[in-house]
Amino acid sequence: MKLFYAPGACSLSPHIALLEAGLPFSLSKVDLKDKKLESGEDFNGINGKGYVPVLQLDDGQVLTEGPAIVQYIADQKPATGLAPAAGTVERYRLQEWLNFITSELHKPMGSMFNPAQTPEWKESVKATLSKRLDWLSKQLEGKQYLLGDKFSIADGYLFTVLNWAGMVKFDLGNWPLIQQYAARVGQRPKVVEAMKAEGLLH
């Protein structure tokens, strides 16, 4: 398998999942500004949407959209417990988390990278994010991870998005439980390995 990624982007989530699952894969870095691979190849030819992540399967098919990709990865190695079994209520809980992260956290947090956004617009985004994080913090009370005591693909995704907070100058200081959670996930050996591979840690 091959993961097309941009350092620190949402593709960090499937990168973490691949390492946690112990699956063999290669990495292909994408310049999202120019839509080019390091080889000079046009990335739009691989994913017409023009963004990462993209997972190229061994048979040449490509899978896009982070929440779909991480579930595919987890299902290749069910024994790792990265996702509950398909068809169980627990699996739908996982999908509930993936949907929440992608729509309510990823989209607004990611939008703050846009230099064209006005300060007023950013303040309104921060207000919405603050409400979401108030709720998230309550969900983390007494838990190590989103689904309880076991790390799942949802944690790798949430960690990835929370990691953007410093980059867009969004202070997580009001949510100590979320800060502790992010630090806990960030210390996992495979998370450290993924971040080092992307040049995010030295």
N, C-alpha and C. Protein backbone atom coordinates (compact mmCIF):
# COMPACT_ATOMS: atom_id res chain seq x y z
N MET A 1 0.84 -1.19 0.00
CA MET A 1 0.00 0.00 0.00
C MET A 1 0.88 1.24 0.00
N LYS A 2 0.32 2.32 -0.52
CA LYS A 2 1.06 3.58 -0.54
C LYS A 2 0.16 4.69 -0.01
N LEU A 3 0.69 5.46 0.95
CA LEU A 3 -0.05 6.58 1.51
C LEU A 3 0.49 7.88 0.94
N PHE A 4 -0.38 8.63 0.29
CA PHE A 4 -0.03 9.96 -0.20
C PHE A 4 -0.36 10.94 0.93
N TYR A 5 0.64 11.72 1.32
CA TYR A 5 0.49 12.56 2.52
C TYR A 5 1.13 13.92 2.32
N ALA A 6 0.74 14.86 3.18
CA ALA A 6 1.43 16.13 3.31
C ALA A 6 1.77 16.26 4.79
N PRO A 7 2.99 16.67 5.14
CA PRO A 7 3.40 16.69 6.54
C PRO A 7 2.44 17.45 7.46
N GLY A 8 1.97 16.75 8.49
CA GLY A 8 1.12 17.37 9.49
C GLY A 8 -0.33 17.56 9.09
N ALA A 9 -0.66 17.25 7.82
CA ALA A 9 -2.05 17.39 7.36
C ALA A 9 -2.89 16.24 7.92
N CYS A 10 -4.16 16.17 7.52
CA CYS A 10 -5.04 15.12 8.06
C CYS A 10 -4.59 13.72 7.67
N SER A 11 -3.65 13.62 6.71
CA SER A 11 -3.07 12.32 6.33
C SER A 11 -2.21 11.73 7.45
N LEU A 12 -1.89 12.54 8.48
CA LEU A 12 -1.16 11.99 9.63
C LEU A 12 -2.00 10.91 10.33
N SER A 13 -3.33 11.06 10.29
CA SER A 13 -4.22 10.09 10.93
C SER A 13 -4.09 8.68 10.34
N PRO A 14 -4.22 8.48 9.01
CA PRO A 14 -3.99 7.13 8.47
C PRO A 14 -2.54 6.68 8.58
N HIS A 15 -1.59 7.63 8.60
CA HIS A 15 -0.18 7.27 8.80
C HIS A 15 -0.02 6.60 10.17
N ILE A 16 -0.63 7.21 11.19
CA ILE A 16 -0.61 6.62 12.54
C ILE A 16 -1.29 5.25 12.52
N ALA A 17 -2.45 5.17 11.86
CA ALA A 17 -3.21 3.91 11.82
C ALA A 17 -2.40 2.79 11.17
N LEU A 18 -1.72 3.09 10.08
CA LEU A 18 -0.90 2.08 9.39
C LEU A 18 0.20 1.55 10.30
N LEU A 19 0.84 2.45 11.04
CA LEU A 19 1.92 2.03 11.94
C LEU A 19 1.36 1.25 13.13
N GLU A 20 0.25 1.72 13.69
CA GLU A 20 -0.36 1.01 14.82
C GLU A 20 -0.82 -0.40 14.41
N ALA A 21 -1.28 -0.53 13.14
CA ALA A 21 -1.75 -1.83 12.65
C ALA A 21 -0.59 -2.75 12.26
N GLY A 22 0.60 -2.17 12.09
CA GLY A 22 1.76 -2.96 11.70
C GLY A 22 1.70 -3.42 10.25
N LEU A 23 1.05 -2.64 9.40
CA LEU A 23 0.92 -3.01 7.99
C LEU A 23 2.08 -2.46 7.17
N PRO A 24 2.52 -3.18 6.14
CA PRO A 24 3.58 -2.66 5.27
C PRO A 24 3.02 -1.59 4.33
N PHE A 25 3.75 -0.49 4.20
CA PHE A 25 3.30 0.59 3.31
C PHE A 25 4.48 1.48 2.95
N SER A 26 4.30 2.25 1.89
CA SER A 26 5.30 3.26 1.54
C SER A 26 4.62 4.63 1.60
N LEU A 27 5.43 5.68 1.65
CA LEU A 27 4.92 7.04 1.73
C LEU A 27 5.25 7.80 0.46
N SER A 28 4.34 8.64 0.01
CA SER A 28 4.59 9.52 -1.11
C SER A 28 4.15 10.93 -0.71
N LYS A 29 5.13 11.84 -0.64
CA LYS A 29 4.86 13.20 -0.17
C LYS A 29 4.24 14.05 -1.28
N VAL A 30 3.23 14.83 -0.90
CA VAL A 30 2.51 15.68 -1.85
C VAL A 30 2.72 17.15 -1.49
N ASP A 31 3.02 17.95 -2.49
CA ASP A 31 3.05 19.41 -2.32
C ASP A 31 1.63 19.88 -2.65
N LEU A 32 0.88 20.24 -1.61
CA LEU A 32 -0.52 20.57 -1.81
C LEU A 32 -0.72 21.91 -2.53
N LYS A 33 0.30 22.77 -2.45
CA LYS A 33 0.18 24.07 -3.12
C LYS A 33 0.27 23.89 -4.63
N ASP A 34 1.28 23.12 -5.05
CA ASP A 34 1.49 22.90 -6.50
C ASP A 34 0.78 21.66 -7.03
N LYS A 35 0.21 20.85 -6.10
CA LYS A 35 -0.45 19.58 -6.49
C LYS A 35 0.50 18.66 -7.24
N LYS A 36 1.72 18.57 -6.70
CA LYS A 36 2.74 17.73 -7.34
C LYS A 36 3.34 16.76 -6.32
N LEU A 37 3.77 15.60 -6.83
CA LEU A 37 4.54 14.65 -6.02
C LEU A 37 6.01 15.03 -6.13
N GLU A 38 6.84 14.43 -5.28
CA GLU A 38 8.28 14.74 -5.33
C GLU A 38 8.89 14.37 -6.69
N SER A 39 8.26 13.39 -7.36
CA SER A 39 8.73 12.97 -8.69
C SER A 39 8.36 13.99 -9.78
N GLY A 40 7.50 14.96 -9.41
CA GLY A 40 7.02 15.93 -10.39
C GLY A 40 5.67 15.55 -10.99
N GLU A 41 5.23 14.33 -10.67
CA GLU A 41 3.94 13.85 -11.20
C GLU A 41 2.79 14.70 -10.65
N ASP A 42 1.76 14.86 -11.46
CA ASP A 42 0.59 15.65 -11.08
C ASP A 42 -0.28 14.85 -10.11
N PHE A 43 -0.46 15.38 -8.89
CA PHE A 43 -1.24 14.69 -7.87
C PHE A 43 -2.71 14.60 -8.24
N ASN A 44 -3.21 15.58 -9.01
CA ASN A 44 -4.63 15.55 -9.41
C ASN A 44 -4.97 14.31 -10.23
N GLY A 45 -3.96 13.72 -10.85
CA GLY A 45 -4.17 12.49 -11.60
C GLY A 45 -4.43 11.30 -10.69
N ILE A 46 -4.02 11.43 -9.43
CA ILE A 46 -4.23 10.36 -8.45
C ILE A 46 -5.52 10.60 -7.68
N ASN A 47 -5.73 11.83 -7.26
CA ASN A 47 -6.97 12.21 -6.59
C ASN A 47 -7.45 13.54 -7.17
N GLY A 48 -8.50 13.46 -7.98
CA GLY A 48 -9.04 14.65 -8.63
C GLY A 48 -9.57 15.69 -7.66
N LYS A 49 -9.79 15.29 -6.39
CA LYS A 49 -10.23 16.25 -5.38
C LYS A 49 -9.09 17.18 -4.99
N GLY A 50 -7.85 16.73 -5.25
CA GLY A 50 -6.69 17.58 -5.01
C GLY A 50 -6.20 17.66 -3.57
N TYR A 51 -6.67 16.76 -2.72
CA TYR A 51 -6.19 16.80 -1.33
C TYR A 51 -5.86 15.40 -0.81
N VAL A 52 -5.09 15.38 0.28
CA VAL A 52 -4.73 14.14 0.97
C VAL A 52 -5.74 13.93 2.11
N PRO A 53 -5.80 12.70 2.65
CA PRO A 53 -5.02 11.52 2.33
C PRO A 53 -5.58 10.72 1.15
N VAL A 54 -4.68 9.97 0.54
CA VAL A 54 -5.06 8.96 -0.46
C VAL A 54 -4.29 7.70 -0.11
N LEU A 55 -4.99 6.59 -0.07
CA LEU A 55 -4.34 5.30 0.14
C LEU A 55 -4.47 4.50 -1.14
N GLN A 56 -3.33 4.18 -1.74
CA GLN A 56 -3.34 3.33 -2.94
C GLN A 56 -3.19 1.89 -2.48
N LEU A 57 -4.16 1.07 -2.83
CA LEU A 57 -4.16 -0.33 -2.41
C LEU A 57 -3.23 -1.14 -3.30
N ASP A 58 -2.93 -2.36 -2.84
CA ASP A 58 -1.98 -3.20 -3.57
C ASP A 58 -2.45 -3.55 -4.98
N ASP A 59 -3.78 -3.51 -5.20
CA ASP A 59 -4.29 -3.83 -6.55
C ASP A 59 -4.41 -2.58 -7.43
N GLY A 60 -3.91 -1.42 -6.91
CA GLY A 60 -3.90 -0.19 -7.70
C GLY A 60 -5.09 0.73 -7.45
N GLN A 61 -6.15 0.21 -6.80
CA GLN A 61 -7.29 1.08 -6.48
C GLN A 61 -6.85 2.16 -5.50
N VAL A 62 -7.53 3.32 -5.57
CA VAL A 62 -7.25 4.35 -4.57
C VAL A 62 -8.47 4.60 -3.71
N LEU A 63 -8.19 4.80 -2.43
CA LEU A 63 -9.23 5.09 -1.44
C LEU A 63 -8.96 6.49 -0.92
N THR A 64 -10.00 7.33 -0.86
CA THR A 64 -9.85 8.69 -0.36
C THR A 64 -10.79 8.89 0.84
N GLU A 65 -10.62 10.02 1.51
CA GLU A 65 -11.39 10.43 2.70
C GLU A 65 -10.89 9.69 3.95
N GLY A 66 -10.32 10.47 4.85
CA GLY A 66 -9.69 9.93 6.05
C GLY A 66 -10.50 8.93 6.85
N PRO A 67 -11.77 9.25 7.21
CA PRO A 67 -12.54 8.30 8.01
C PRO A 67 -12.74 6.95 7.32
N ALA A 68 -12.86 6.94 5.99
CA ALA A 68 -13.00 5.67 5.26
C ALA A 68 -11.66 4.93 5.25
N ILE A 69 -10.58 5.67 5.01
CA ILE A 69 -9.25 5.05 4.93
C ILE A 69 -8.87 4.38 6.25
N VAL A 70 -9.06 5.09 7.38
CA VAL A 70 -8.64 4.51 8.66
C VAL A 70 -9.46 3.28 9.03
N GLN A 71 -10.73 3.25 8.62
CA GLN A 71 -11.53 2.04 8.89
C GLN A 71 -11.05 0.88 8.03
N TYR A 72 -10.69 1.17 6.79
CA TYR A 72 -10.14 0.12 5.93
C TYR A 72 -8.87 -0.45 6.56
N ILE A 73 -7.99 0.43 7.02
CA ILE A 73 -6.72 0.00 7.64
C ILE A 73 -7.00 -0.88 8.86
N ALA A 74 -7.89 -0.41 9.73
CA ALA A 74 -8.20 -1.17 10.95
C ALA A 74 -8.76 -2.55 10.62
N ASP A 75 -9.58 -2.62 9.57
CA ASP A 75 -10.21 -3.89 9.21
C ASP A 75 -9.23 -4.89 8.58
N GLN A 76 -8.07 -4.42 8.16
CA GLN A 76 -7.05 -5.35 7.64
C GLN A 76 -6.40 -6.14 8.78
N LYS A 77 -6.44 -5.57 9.99
CA LYS A 77 -5.82 -6.22 11.16
C LYS A 77 -6.77 -6.14 12.35
N PRO A 78 -7.87 -6.89 12.29
CA PRO A 78 -8.88 -6.81 13.36
C PRO A 78 -8.31 -7.09 14.75
N ALA A 79 -7.29 -7.96 14.81
CA ALA A 79 -6.73 -8.35 16.11
C ALA A 79 -6.12 -7.17 16.87
N THR A 80 -5.76 -6.11 16.16
CA THR A 80 -5.17 -4.95 16.84
C THR A 80 -6.19 -4.17 17.65
N GLY A 81 -7.49 -4.37 17.34
CA GLY A 81 -8.53 -3.66 18.08
C GLY A 81 -8.60 -2.17 17.77
N LEU A 82 -8.04 -1.76 16.63
CA LEU A 82 -8.07 -0.34 16.28
C LEU A 82 -9.47 0.13 15.94
N ALA A 83 -10.36 -0.80 15.60
CA ALA A 83 -11.78 -0.50 15.37
C ALA A 83 -12.60 -1.70 15.87
N PRO A 84 -13.72 -1.43 16.53
CA PRO A 84 -14.59 -2.55 16.92
C PRO A 84 -15.11 -3.28 15.68
N ALA A 85 -15.58 -4.49 15.88
CA ALA A 85 -16.05 -5.32 14.76
C ALA A 85 -17.21 -4.66 14.03
N ALA A 86 -17.22 -4.81 12.70
CA ALA A 86 -18.31 -4.27 11.88
C ALA A 86 -19.64 -4.84 12.33
N GLY A 87 -20.67 -4.00 12.32
CA GLY A 87 -22.00 -4.46 12.69
C GLY A 87 -22.34 -4.34 14.16
N THR A 88 -21.33 -4.09 14.99
CA THR A 88 -21.60 -3.94 16.43
C THR A 88 -21.96 -2.49 16.74
N VAL A 89 -22.65 -2.29 17.86
CA VAL A 89 -22.99 -0.93 18.30
C VAL A 89 -21.71 -0.13 18.52
N GLU A 90 -20.68 -0.81 19.03
CA GLU A 90 -19.40 -0.14 19.29
C GLU A 90 -18.80 0.42 18.00
N ARG A 91 -19.00 -0.31 16.88
CA ARG A 91 -18.48 0.19 15.60
C ARG A 91 -19.22 1.46 15.19
N TYR A 92 -20.50 1.50 15.43
CA TYR A 92 -21.25 2.71 15.10
C TYR A 92 -20.85 3.87 16.02
N ARG A 93 -20.46 3.56 17.25
CA ARG A 93 -19.94 4.60 18.15
C ARG A 93 -18.64 5.17 17.58
N LEU A 94 -17.81 4.29 17.06
CA LEU A 94 -16.57 4.74 16.43
C LEU A 94 -16.89 5.65 15.23
N GLN A 95 -17.84 5.24 14.41
CA GLN A 95 -18.22 6.05 13.24
C GLN A 95 -18.82 7.38 13.68
N GLU A 96 -19.54 7.36 14.78
CA GLU A 96 -20.10 8.58 15.36
C GLU A 96 -18.96 9.56 15.69
N TRP A 97 -17.91 9.04 16.31
CA TRP A 97 -16.74 9.86 16.64
C TRP A 97 -16.04 10.38 15.38
N LEU A 98 -15.84 9.49 14.41
CA LEU A 98 -15.15 9.91 13.17
C LEU A 98 -15.93 11.01 12.46
N ASN A 99 -17.27 10.89 12.46
CA ASN A 99 -18.10 11.92 11.83
C ASN A 99 -18.02 13.24 12.59
N PHE A 100 -18.05 13.16 13.90
CA PHE A 100 -17.96 14.37 14.73
C PHE A 100 -16.63 15.08 14.48
N ILE A 101 -15.55 14.32 14.49
CA ILE A 101 -14.22 14.91 14.30
C ILE A 101 -14.12 15.56 12.93
N THR A 102 -14.59 14.85 11.89
CA THR A 102 -14.41 15.35 10.53
C THR A 102 -15.26 16.60 10.26
N SER A 103 -16.49 16.63 10.79
CA SER A 103 -17.38 17.75 10.46
C SER A 103 -17.31 18.90 11.46
N GLU A 104 -17.17 18.57 12.74
CA GLU A 104 -17.27 19.60 13.77
C GLU A 104 -15.92 20.13 14.27
N LEU A 105 -14.84 19.40 14.02
CA LEU A 105 -13.51 19.85 14.48
C LEU A 105 -12.55 20.06 13.31
N HIS A 106 -12.42 19.06 12.45
CA HIS A 106 -11.49 19.14 11.31
C HIS A 106 -11.82 20.33 10.41
N LYS A 107 -13.08 20.43 9.99
CA LYS A 107 -13.45 21.48 9.04
C LYS A 107 -13.21 22.88 9.60
N PRO A 108 -13.74 23.21 10.80
CA PRO A 108 -13.49 24.56 11.30
C PRO A 108 -12.02 24.83 11.63
N MET A 109 -11.36 23.87 12.29
CA MET A 109 -9.94 24.08 12.65
C MET A 109 -9.10 24.24 11.38
N GLY A 110 -9.35 23.38 10.40
CA GLY A 110 -8.59 23.44 9.16
C GLY A 110 -8.81 24.72 8.39
N SER A 111 -10.03 25.27 8.50
CA SER A 111 -10.34 26.49 7.74
C SER A 111 -9.52 27.68 8.22
N MET A 112 -9.02 27.61 9.45
CA MET A 112 -8.25 28.75 9.99
C MET A 112 -6.85 28.85 9.39
N PHE A 113 -6.45 27.85 8.61
CA PHE A 113 -5.17 27.94 7.90
C PHE A 113 -5.27 28.89 6.70
N ASN A 114 -6.51 29.20 6.29
CA ASN A 114 -6.72 30.02 5.10
C ASN A 114 -6.36 31.48 5.39
N PRO A 115 -5.30 32.02 4.74
CA PRO A 115 -4.87 33.39 5.02
C PRO A 115 -5.89 34.44 4.59
N ALA A 116 -6.85 34.05 3.76
CA ALA A 116 -7.85 35.01 3.28
C ALA A 116 -8.97 35.26 4.29
N GLN A 117 -9.05 34.42 5.33
CA GLN A 117 -10.13 34.59 6.30
C GLN A 117 -9.92 35.84 7.14
N THR A 118 -10.99 36.56 7.40
CA THR A 118 -10.91 37.80 8.19
C THR A 118 -10.78 37.47 9.67
N PRO A 119 -10.24 38.41 10.47
CA PRO A 119 -10.17 38.19 11.93
C PRO A 119 -11.55 37.94 12.54
N GLU A 120 -12.57 38.64 12.05
CA GLU A 120 -13.94 38.47 12.59
C GLU A 120 -14.44 37.04 12.31
N TRP A 121 -14.16 36.58 11.11
CA TRP A 121 -14.58 35.23 10.73
C TRP A 121 -13.88 34.20 11.63
N LYS A 122 -12.58 34.41 11.87
CA LYS A 122 -11.83 33.47 12.71
C LYS A 122 -12.38 33.46 14.13
N GLU A 123 -12.79 34.61 14.63
CA GLU A 123 -13.36 34.67 15.98
C GLU A 123 -14.66 33.86 16.06
N SER A 124 -15.47 33.92 15.01
CA SER A 124 -16.72 33.15 15.01
C SER A 124 -16.43 31.65 14.95
N VAL A 125 -15.39 31.26 14.21
CA VAL A 125 -14.98 29.86 14.14
C VAL A 125 -14.50 29.40 15.52
N LYS A 126 -13.71 30.23 16.17
CA LYS A 126 -13.19 29.88 17.51
C LYS A 126 -14.33 29.71 18.51
N ALA A 127 -15.37 30.55 18.39
CA ALA A 127 -16.52 30.44 19.29
C ALA A 127 -17.23 29.10 19.09
N THR A 128 -17.40 28.70 17.84
CA THR A 128 -18.04 27.41 17.54
C THR A 128 -17.18 26.25 18.04
N LEU A 129 -15.89 26.33 17.76
CA LEU A 129 -14.97 25.28 18.21
C LEU A 129 -14.98 25.15 19.73
N SER A 130 -15.05 26.28 20.42
CA SER A 130 -15.05 26.27 21.89
C SER A 130 -16.24 25.48 22.43
N LYS A 131 -17.40 25.65 21.81
CA LYS A 131 -18.59 24.89 22.23
C LYS A 131 -18.38 23.39 22.02
N ARG A 132 -17.81 23.04 20.87
CA ARG A 132 -17.56 21.63 20.57
C ARG A 132 -16.56 21.02 21.57
N LEU A 133 -15.54 21.81 21.92
CA LEU A 133 -14.51 21.31 22.84
C LEU A 133 -15.03 21.23 24.27
N ASP A 134 -15.96 22.11 24.64
CA ASP A 134 -16.62 21.99 25.96
C ASP A 134 -17.29 20.63 26.05
N TRP A 135 -18.00 20.27 24.99
CA TRP A 135 -18.69 18.97 24.96
C TRP A 135 -17.69 17.81 24.96
N LEU A 136 -16.66 17.93 24.13
CA LEU A 136 -15.65 16.87 24.03
C LEU A 136 -14.98 16.62 25.37
N SER A 137 -14.66 17.70 26.07
CA SER A 137 -13.98 17.57 27.36
C SER A 137 -14.81 16.74 28.34
N LYS A 138 -16.13 16.97 28.33
CA LYS A 138 -17.02 16.18 29.21
C LYS A 138 -16.98 14.70 28.85
N GLN A 139 -16.88 14.40 27.54
CA GLN A 139 -16.85 13.00 27.09
C GLN A 139 -15.56 12.29 27.52
N LEU A 140 -14.50 13.07 27.71
CA LEU A 140 -13.21 12.48 28.07
C LEU A 140 -13.05 12.24 29.58
N GLU A 141 -13.99 12.73 30.36
CA GLU A 141 -13.89 12.56 31.82
C GLU A 141 -13.81 11.08 32.19
N GLY A 142 -12.76 10.73 32.92
CA GLY A 142 -12.59 9.36 33.40
C GLY A 142 -12.20 8.36 32.33
N LYS A 143 -11.81 8.86 31.14
CA LYS A 143 -11.44 7.95 30.04
C LYS A 143 -10.03 8.23 29.55
N GLN A 144 -9.35 7.19 29.15
CA GLN A 144 -8.02 7.33 28.54
C GLN A 144 -8.15 7.76 27.08
N TYR A 145 -9.11 7.14 26.40
CA TYR A 145 -9.30 7.36 24.97
C TYR A 145 -10.79 7.55 24.67
N LEU A 146 -11.12 7.85 23.42
CA LEU A 146 -12.51 8.16 23.07
C LEU A 146 -13.47 7.00 23.33
N LEU A 147 -13.00 5.76 23.07
CA LEU A 147 -13.87 4.60 23.27
C LEU A 147 -13.67 3.94 24.63
N GLY A 148 -12.90 4.56 25.49
CA GLY A 148 -12.64 3.98 26.81
C GLY A 148 -11.17 3.85 27.10
N ASP A 149 -10.74 2.63 27.43
CA ASP A 149 -9.34 2.42 27.80
C ASP A 149 -8.47 1.99 26.64
N LYS A 150 -9.08 1.77 25.45
CA LYS A 150 -8.32 1.25 24.31
C LYS A 150 -8.21 2.29 23.20
N PHE A 151 -6.99 2.48 22.70
CA PHE A 151 -6.74 3.38 21.59
C PHE A 151 -7.44 2.87 20.34
N SER A 152 -8.04 3.79 19.59
CA SER A 152 -8.69 3.43 18.32
C SER A 152 -8.27 4.42 17.23
N ILE A 153 -8.70 4.13 16.00
CA ILE A 153 -8.39 5.02 14.88
C ILE A 153 -8.99 6.42 15.08
N ALA A 154 -10.06 6.52 15.87
CA ALA A 154 -10.65 7.83 16.15
C ALA A 154 -9.68 8.70 16.95
N ASP A 155 -8.90 8.08 17.81
CA ASP A 155 -7.93 8.83 18.61
C ASP A 155 -6.80 9.39 17.75
N GLY A 156 -6.36 8.61 16.78
CA GLY A 156 -5.32 9.09 15.88
C GLY A 156 -5.80 10.30 15.07
N TYR A 157 -7.08 10.27 14.70
CA TYR A 157 -7.67 11.37 13.93
C TYR A 157 -7.85 12.61 14.81
N LEU A 158 -8.40 12.42 16.02
CA LEU A 158 -8.60 13.56 16.91
C LEU A 158 -7.26 14.21 17.27
N PHE A 159 -6.26 13.38 17.55
CA PHE A 159 -4.92 13.91 17.86
C PHE A 159 -4.40 14.77 16.72
N THR A 160 -4.57 14.30 15.49
CA THR A 160 -4.11 15.02 14.30
C THR A 160 -4.72 16.41 14.24
N VAL A 161 -6.03 16.49 14.45
CA VAL A 161 -6.73 17.78 14.37
C VAL A 161 -6.35 18.69 15.54
N LEU A 162 -6.26 18.13 16.75
CA LEU A 162 -5.87 18.93 17.91
C LEU A 162 -4.46 19.49 17.74
N ASN A 163 -3.63 18.76 17.01
CA ASN A 163 -2.25 19.17 16.77
C ASN A 163 -2.15 20.46 15.96
N TRP A 164 -3.23 20.79 15.26
CA TRP A 164 -3.24 22.03 14.46
C TRP A 164 -3.47 23.27 15.32
N ALA A 165 -3.97 23.09 16.54
CA ALA A 165 -4.38 24.24 17.37
C ALA A 165 -3.25 25.27 17.51
N GLY A 166 -2.05 24.78 17.82
CA GLY A 166 -0.92 25.70 17.98
C GLY A 166 -0.58 26.42 16.69
N MET A 167 -0.73 25.72 15.57
CA MET A 167 -0.37 26.29 14.27
C MET A 167 -1.32 27.42 13.87
N VAL A 168 -2.59 27.33 14.29
CA VAL A 168 -3.57 28.38 13.93
C VAL A 168 -3.83 29.32 15.11
N LYS A 169 -2.98 29.21 16.14
CA LYS A 169 -3.07 30.08 17.32
C LYS A 169 -4.43 29.97 18.02
N PHE A 170 -4.86 28.73 18.21
CA PHE A 170 -6.08 28.45 18.97
C PHE A 170 -5.65 27.81 20.28
N ASP A 171 -5.84 28.53 21.37
CA ASP A 171 -5.35 28.09 22.68
C ASP A 171 -6.26 27.03 23.30
N LEU A 172 -5.69 25.88 23.61
CA LEU A 172 -6.45 24.80 24.23
C LEU A 172 -6.41 24.86 25.76
N GLY A 173 -5.89 25.96 26.29
CA GLY A 173 -5.70 26.09 27.74
C GLY A 173 -6.97 25.97 28.57
N ASN A 174 -8.13 26.27 27.98
CA ASN A 174 -9.40 26.16 28.72
C ASN A 174 -9.85 24.72 28.92
N TRP A 175 -9.17 23.79 28.27
CA TRP A 175 -9.60 22.39 28.32
C TRP A 175 -8.44 21.49 28.73
N PRO A 176 -8.08 21.51 30.03
CA PRO A 176 -6.94 20.70 30.49
C PRO A 176 -7.08 19.20 30.19
N LEU A 177 -8.32 18.69 30.25
CA LEU A 177 -8.51 17.26 29.95
C LEU A 177 -8.15 16.95 28.51
N ILE A 178 -8.48 17.87 27.61
CA ILE A 178 -8.15 17.68 26.19
C ILE A 178 -6.65 17.79 25.98
N GLN A 179 -6.02 18.72 26.68
CA GLN A 179 -4.55 18.85 26.59
C GLN A 179 -3.86 17.59 27.09
N GLN A 180 -4.36 17.05 28.21
CA GLN A 180 -3.77 15.82 28.76
C GLN A 180 -3.97 14.64 27.80
N TYR A 181 -5.16 14.58 27.21
CA TYR A 181 -5.47 13.53 26.23
C TYR A 181 -4.51 13.62 25.04
N ALA A 182 -4.34 14.82 24.49
CA ALA A 182 -3.46 15.00 23.32
C ALA A 182 -2.03 14.61 23.66
N ALA A 183 -1.60 14.96 24.87
CA ALA A 183 -0.24 14.61 25.30
C ALA A 183 -0.10 13.09 25.43
N ARG A 184 -1.14 12.44 25.94
CA ARG A 184 -1.12 10.98 26.12
C ARG A 184 -1.02 10.27 24.77
N VAL A 185 -1.85 10.69 23.83
CA VAL A 185 -1.80 10.08 22.49
C VAL A 185 -0.46 10.39 21.83
N GLY A 186 0.02 11.62 22.01
CA GLY A 186 1.27 12.04 21.39
C GLY A 186 2.51 11.30 21.88
N GLN A 187 2.38 10.62 23.02
CA GLN A 187 3.52 9.85 23.56
C GLN A 187 3.53 8.40 23.07
N ARG A 188 2.49 7.98 22.38
CA ARG A 188 2.47 6.61 21.88
C ARG A 188 3.61 6.42 20.88
N PRO A 189 4.37 5.32 20.99
CA PRO A 189 5.54 5.13 20.12
C PRO A 189 5.23 5.24 18.63
N LYS A 190 4.10 4.71 18.18
CA LYS A 190 3.79 4.75 16.74
C LYS A 190 3.39 6.16 16.30
N VAL A 191 2.81 6.93 17.22
CA VAL A 191 2.47 8.32 16.91
C VAL A 191 3.75 9.13 16.76
N VAL A 192 4.69 8.90 17.68
CA VAL A 192 6.00 9.56 17.61
C VAL A 192 6.70 9.18 16.31
N GLU A 193 6.63 7.90 15.96
CA GLU A 193 7.28 7.41 14.72
C GLU A 193 6.69 8.11 13.49
N ALA A 194 5.36 8.23 13.44
CA ALA A 194 4.71 8.89 12.29
C ALA A 194 5.12 10.36 12.21
N MET A 195 5.14 11.02 13.35
CA MET A 195 5.48 12.44 13.35
C MET A 195 6.94 12.68 12.96
N LYS A 196 7.80 11.80 13.41
CA LYS A 196 9.22 11.91 13.02
C LYS A 196 9.38 11.70 11.51
N ALA A 197 8.65 10.71 10.98
CA ALA A 197 8.74 10.41 9.54
C ALA A 197 8.26 11.58 8.68
N GLU A 198 7.34 12.39 9.24
CA GLU A 198 6.80 13.54 8.50
C GLU A 198 7.59 14.83 8.79
N GLY A 199 8.62 14.70 9.61
CA GLY A 199 9.45 15.88 9.91
C GLY A 199 8.82 16.81 10.93
N LEU A 200 7.86 16.31 11.71
CA LEU A 200 7.15 17.14 12.70
C LEU A 200 7.84 17.10 14.05
N LEU A 201 8.67 16.09 14.26
CA LEU A 201 9.47 15.96 15.49
C LEU A 201 10.90 15.69 15.09
N HIS A 202 11.82 16.21 15.86
CA HIS A 202 13.24 15.99 15.53
C HIS A 202 13.96 15.32 16.69
